[in-house]
Amino acid sequence: MFRVFNMGIGLIVVASQNTVDAVMARIDALGERGFVIGEIMAAKGGESEVEYVD
């Protein structure tokens, strides 16, 4: 099914930048695969902004 359908990302964990290594280690210890897929940062000029990066 994963080859045919978009199965989505699954579970998303939002963690502070200084805890990412510990969170990723725990995910690995649980036998799961984790990926850093983005970051949250302040917008420039005070306006909301979404930037997609490949």
PDB file of N, CA and C in Angstrom:
ATOM      1  N   MET A   1       0.818  -1.196   0.000  1.00  0.00           N
ATOM      2  CA  MET A   1       0.000   0.000   0.000  1.00  0.00           C
ATOM      3  C   MET A   1       0.865   1.265   0.000  1.00  0.00           C
ATOM      4  N   PHE A   2       2.031   1.217   0.646  1.00  0.00           N
ATOM      5  CA  PHE A   2       2.890   2.391   0.702  1.00  0.00           C
ATOM      6  C   PHE A   2       3.408   2.774  -0.682  1.00  0.00           C
ATOM      7  N   ARG A   3       3.504   1.814  -1.590  1.00  0.00           N
ATOM      8  CA  ARG A   3       3.970   2.121  -2.938  1.00  0.00           C
ATOM      9  C   ARG A   3       2.882   2.756  -3.784  1.00  0.00           C
ATOM     10  N   VAL A   4       1.623   2.520  -3.434  1.00  0.00           N
ATOM     11  CA  VAL A   4       0.509   3.003  -4.247  1.00  0.00           C
ATOM     12  C   VAL A   4      -0.138   4.253  -3.656  1.00  0.00           C
ATOM     13  N   PHE A   5      -0.334   4.260  -2.341  1.00  0.00           N
ATOM     14  CA  PHE A   5      -1.064   5.347  -1.690  1.00  0.00           C
ATOM     15  C   PHE A   5      -0.125   6.222  -0.861  1.00  0.00           C
ATOM     16  N   ASN A   6      -0.483   7.482  -0.730  1.00  0.00           N
ATOM     17  CA  ASN A   6       0.232   8.381   0.156  1.00  0.00           C
ATOM     18  C   ASN A   6      -0.214   8.049   1.572  1.00  0.00           C
ATOM     19  N   MET A   7       0.624   7.388   2.336  1.00  0.00           N
ATOM     20  CA  MET A   7       0.264   6.955   3.681  1.00  0.00           C
ATOM     21  C   MET A   7       0.570   8.035   4.728  1.00  0.00           C
ATOM     22  N   GLY A   8       1.013   9.199   4.292  1.00  0.00           N
ATOM     23  CA  GLY A   8       1.260  10.304   5.216  1.00  0.00           C
ATOM     24  C   GLY A   8       2.555  10.134   5.990  1.00  0.00           C
ATOM     25  N   ILE A   9       2.777  11.034   6.900  1.00  0.00           N
ATOM     26  CA  ILE A   9       3.995  11.037   7.703  1.00  0.00           C
ATOM     27  C   ILE A   9       3.861  10.109   8.893  1.00  0.00           C
ATOM     28  N   GLY A  10       2.703  10.040   9.490  1.00  0.00           N
ATOM     29  CA  GLY A  10       2.519   9.233  10.699  1.00  0.00           C
ATOM     30  C   GLY A  10       2.519  10.138  11.907  1.00  0.00           C
ATOM     31  N   LEU A  11       3.218   9.746  12.938  1.00  0.00           N
ATOM     32  CA  LEU A  11       3.279  10.517  14.180  1.00  0.00           C
ATOM     33  C   LEU A  11       4.325  11.618  14.060  1.00  0.00           C
ATOM     34  N   ILE A  12       3.994  12.812  14.506  1.00  0.00           N
ATOM     35  CA  ILE A  12       4.943  13.929  14.521  1.00  0.00           C
ATOM     36  C   ILE A  12       5.192  14.319  15.964  1.00  0.00           C
ATOM     37  N   VAL A  13       6.468  14.440  16.326  1.00  0.00           N
ATOM     38  CA  VAL A  13       6.867  14.882  17.654  1.00  0.00           C
ATOM     39  C   VAL A  13       7.530  16.242  17.496  1.00  0.00           C
ATOM     40  N   VAL A  14       7.055  17.236  18.220  1.00  0.00           N
ATOM     41  CA  VAL A  14       7.671  18.557  18.213  1.00  0.00           C
ATOM     42  C   VAL A  14       8.512  18.664  19.474  1.00  0.00           C
ATOM     43  N   ALA A  15       9.810  18.931  19.293  1.00  0.00           N
ATOM     44  CA  ALA A  15      10.741  18.985  20.421  1.00  0.00           C
ATOM     45  C   ALA A  15      11.609  20.224  20.305  1.00  0.00           C
ATOM     46  N   SER A  16      12.059  20.729  21.445  1.00  0.00           N
ATOM     47  CA  SER A  16      12.963  21.878  21.409  1.00  0.00           C
ATOM     48  C   SER A  16      14.296  21.445  20.803  1.00  0.00           C
ATOM     49  N   GLN A  17      14.999  22.394  20.211  1.00  0.00           N
ATOM     50  CA  GLN A  17      16.234  22.094  19.503  1.00  0.00           C
ATOM     51  C   GLN A  17      17.284  21.432  20.405  1.00  0.00           C
ATOM     52  N   ASN A  18      17.283  21.776  21.685  1.00  0.00           N
ATOM     53  CA  ASN A  18      18.295  21.204  22.582  1.00  0.00           C
ATOM     54  C   ASN A  18      17.934  19.801  23.083  1.00  0.00           C
ATOM     55  N   THR A  19      16.755  19.272  22.708  1.00  0.00           N
ATOM     56  CA  THR A  19      16.389  17.905  23.115  1.00  0.00           C
ATOM     57  C   THR A  19      16.258  16.943  21.940  1.00  0.00           C
ATOM     58  N   VAL A  20      16.547  17.421  20.743  1.00  0.00           N
ATOM     59  CA  VAL A  20      16.360  16.597  19.545  1.00  0.00           C
ATOM     60  C   VAL A  20      17.179  15.305  19.621  1.00  0.00           C
ATOM     61  N   ASP A  21      18.440  15.377  20.024  1.00  0.00           N
ATOM     62  CA  ASP A  21      19.274  14.176  20.078  1.00  0.00           C
ATOM     63  C   ASP A  21      18.709  13.147  21.054  1.00  0.00           C
ATOM     64  N   ALA A  22      18.242  13.585  22.208  1.00  0.00           N
ATOM     65  CA  ALA A  22      17.675  12.675  23.201  1.00  0.00           C
ATOM     66  C   ALA A  22      16.372  12.057  22.691  1.00  0.00           C
ATOM     67  N   VAL A  23      15.538  12.853  22.051  1.00  0.00           N
ATOM     68  CA  VAL A  23      14.273  12.349  21.511  1.00  0.00           C
ATOM     69  C   VAL A  23      14.545  11.324  20.410  1.00  0.00           C
ATOM     70  N   MET A  24      15.475  11.636  19.511  1.00  0.00           N
ATOM     71  CA  MET A  24      15.803  10.711  18.435  1.00  0.00           C
ATOM     72  C   MET A  24      16.401   9.411  18.984  1.00  0.00           C
ATOM     73  N   ALA A  25      17.224   9.505  20.043  1.00  0.00           N
ATOM     74  CA  ALA A  25      17.800   8.310  20.667  1.00  0.00           C
ATOM     75  C   ALA A  25      16.702   7.443  21.274  1.00  0.00           C
ATOM     76  N   ARG A  26      15.717   8.064  21.900  1.00  0.00           N
ATOM     77  CA  ARG A  26      14.606   7.311  22.507  1.00  0.00           C
ATOM     78  C   ARG A  26      13.759   6.631  21.436  1.00  0.00           C
ATOM     79  N   ILE A  27      13.497   7.334  20.350  1.00  0.00           N
ATOM     80  CA  ILE A  27      12.736   6.750  19.244  1.00  0.00           C
ATOM     81  C   ILE A  27      13.478   5.536  18.708  1.00  0.00           C
ATOM     82  N   ASP A  28      14.791   5.652  18.539  1.00  0.00           N
ATOM     83  CA  ASP A  28      15.613   4.541  18.067  1.00  0.00           C
ATOM     84  C   ASP A  28      15.579   3.379  19.061  1.00  0.00           C
ATOM     85  N   ALA A  29      15.657   3.688  20.361  1.00  0.00           N
ATOM     86  CA  ALA A  29      15.634   2.648  21.397  1.00  0.00           C
ATOM     87  C   ALA A  29      14.309   1.889  21.398  1.00  0.00           C
ATOM     88  N   LEU A  30      13.253   2.528  20.952  1.00  0.00           N
ATOM     89  CA  LEU A  30      11.942   1.884  20.869  1.00  0.00           C
ATOM     90  C   LEU A  30      11.788   1.067  19.592  1.00  0.00           C
ATOM     91  N   GLY A  31      12.836   1.060  18.767  1.00  0.00           N
ATOM     92  CA  GLY A  31      12.798   0.275  17.538  1.00  0.00           C
ATOM     93  C   GLY A  31      12.111   0.958  16.376  1.00  0.00           C
ATOM     94  N   GLU A  32      11.950   2.249  16.465  1.00  0.00           N
ATOM     95  CA  GLU A  32      11.298   3.013  15.400  1.00  0.00           C
ATOM     96  C   GLU A  32      12.337   3.843  14.651  1.00  0.00           C
ATOM     97  N   ARG A  33      11.961   4.331  13.476  1.00  0.00           N
ATOM     98  CA  ARG A  33      12.830   5.231  12.711  1.00  0.00           C
ATOM     99  C   ARG A  33      12.301   6.644  12.856  1.00  0.00           C
ATOM    100  N   GLY A  34      13.180   7.577  13.121  1.00  0.00           N
ATOM    101  CA  GLY A  34      12.786   8.966  13.246  1.00  0.00           C
ATOM    102  C   GLY A  34      13.545   9.835  12.263  1.00  0.00           C
ATOM    103  N   PHE A  35      12.920  10.910  11.856  1.00  0.00           N
ATOM    104  CA  PHE A  35      13.532  11.846  10.918  1.00  0.00           C
ATOM    105  C   PHE A  35      13.228  13.267  11.379  1.00  0.00           C
ATOM    106  N   VAL A  36      14.196  14.151  11.273  1.00  0.00           N
ATOM    107  CA  VAL A  36      13.948  15.571  11.490  1.00  0.00           C
ATOM    108  C   VAL A  36      13.396  16.106  10.171  1.00  0.00           C
ATOM    109  N   ILE A  37      12.173  16.646  10.208  1.00  0.00           N
ATOM    110  CA  ILE A  37      11.523  17.060   8.959  1.00  0.00           C
ATOM    111  C   ILE A  37      11.364  18.571   8.838  1.00  0.00           C
ATOM    112  N   GLY A  38      11.827  19.323   9.825  1.00  0.00           N
ATOM    113  CA  GLY A  38      11.712  20.773   9.720  1.00  0.00           C
ATOM    114  C   GLY A  38      12.072  21.441  11.016  1.00  0.00           C
ATOM    115  N   GLU A  39      11.852  22.723  11.060  1.00  0.00           N
ATOM    116  CA  GLU A  39      12.087  23.491  12.271  1.00  0.00           C
ATOM    117  C   GLU A  39      11.122  24.660  12.331  1.00  0.00           C
ATOM    118  N   ILE A  40      10.847  25.114  13.525  1.00  0.00           N
ATOM    119  CA  ILE A  40       9.970  26.264  13.746  1.00  0.00           C
ATOM    120  C   ILE A  40      10.861  27.443  14.074  1.00  0.00           C
ATOM    121  N   MET A  41      10.655  28.545  13.381  1.00  0.00           N
ATOM    122  CA  MET A  41      11.465  29.739  13.627  1.00  0.00           C
ATOM    123  C   MET A  41      10.595  30.981  13.512  1.00  0.00           C
ATOM    124  N   ALA A  42      11.081  32.046  14.089  1.00  0.00           N
ATOM    125  CA  ALA A  42      10.350  33.319  14.042  1.00  0.00           C
ATOM    126  C   ALA A  42      10.294  33.827  12.602  1.00  0.00           C
ATOM    127  N   ALA A  43       9.152  34.397  12.227  1.00  0.00           N
ATOM    128  CA  ALA A  43       8.997  34.967  10.894  1.00  0.00           C
ATOM    129  C   ALA A  43       9.765  36.275  10.787  1.00  0.00           C
ATOM    130  N   LYS A  44      10.233  36.568   9.593  1.00  0.00           N
ATOM    131  CA  LYS A  44      10.944  37.827   9.336  1.00  0.00           C
ATOM    132  C   LYS A  44       9.910  38.925   9.123  1.00  0.00           C
ATOM    133  N   GLY A  45      10.109  40.063   9.730  1.00  0.00           N
ATOM    134  CA  GLY A  45       9.206  41.181   9.519  1.00  0.00           C
ATOM    135  C   GLY A  45       7.874  41.047  10.223  1.00  0.00           C
ATOM    136  N   GLY A  46       7.705  40.062  11.086  1.00  0.00           N
ATOM    137  CA  GLY A  46       6.484  39.912  11.857  1.00  0.00           C
ATOM    138  C   GLY A  46       5.321  39.281  11.120  1.00  0.00           C
ATOM    139  N   GLU A  47       5.496  38.912   9.855  1.00  0.00           N
ATOM    140  CA  GLU A  47       4.409  38.298   9.097  1.00  0.00           C
ATOM    141  C   GLU A  47       4.553  36.783   9.111  1.00  0.00           C
ATOM    142  N   SER A  48       3.413  36.090   9.089  1.00  0.00           N
ATOM    143  CA  SER A  48       3.438  34.634   9.019  1.00  0.00           C
ATOM    144  C   SER A  48       4.022  34.203   7.684  1.00  0.00           C
ATOM    145  N   GLU A  49       4.799  33.134   7.722  1.00  0.00           N
ATOM    146  CA  GLU A  49       5.456  32.690   6.504  1.00  0.00           C
ATOM    147  C   GLU A  49       5.688  31.181   6.568  1.00  0.00           C
ATOM    148  N   VAL A  50       5.453  30.500   5.464  1.00  0.00           N
ATOM    149  CA  VAL A  50       5.761  29.074   5.363  1.00  0.00           C
ATOM    150  C   VAL A  50       6.737  28.910   4.213  1.00  0.00           C
ATOM    151  N   GLU A  51       7.836  28.223   4.473  1.00  0.00           N
ATOM    152  CA  GLU A  51       8.832  27.987   3.435  1.00  0.00           C
ATOM    153  C   GLU A  51       9.029  26.491   3.283  1.00  0.00           C
ATOM    154  N   TYR A  52       8.846  25.995   2.073  1.00  0.00           N
ATOM    155  CA  TYR A  52       9.044  24.573   1.791  1.00  0.00           C
ATOM    156  C   TYR A  52      10.429  24.398   1.189  1.00  0.00           C
ATOM    157  N   VAL A  53      11.191  23.487   1.781  1.00  0.00           N
ATOM    158  CA  VAL A  53      12.549  23.236   1.309  1.00  0.00           C
ATOM    159  C   VAL A  53      12.677  21.765   0.959  1.00  0.00           C
ATOM    160  N   ASP A  54      13.145  21.472  -0.246  1.00  0.00           N
ATOM    161  CA  ASP A  54      13.345  20.073  -0.664  1.00  0.00           C
ATOM    162  C   ASP A  54      14.673  19.567  -0.180  1.00  0.00           C
TER     163      ASP A  54
END
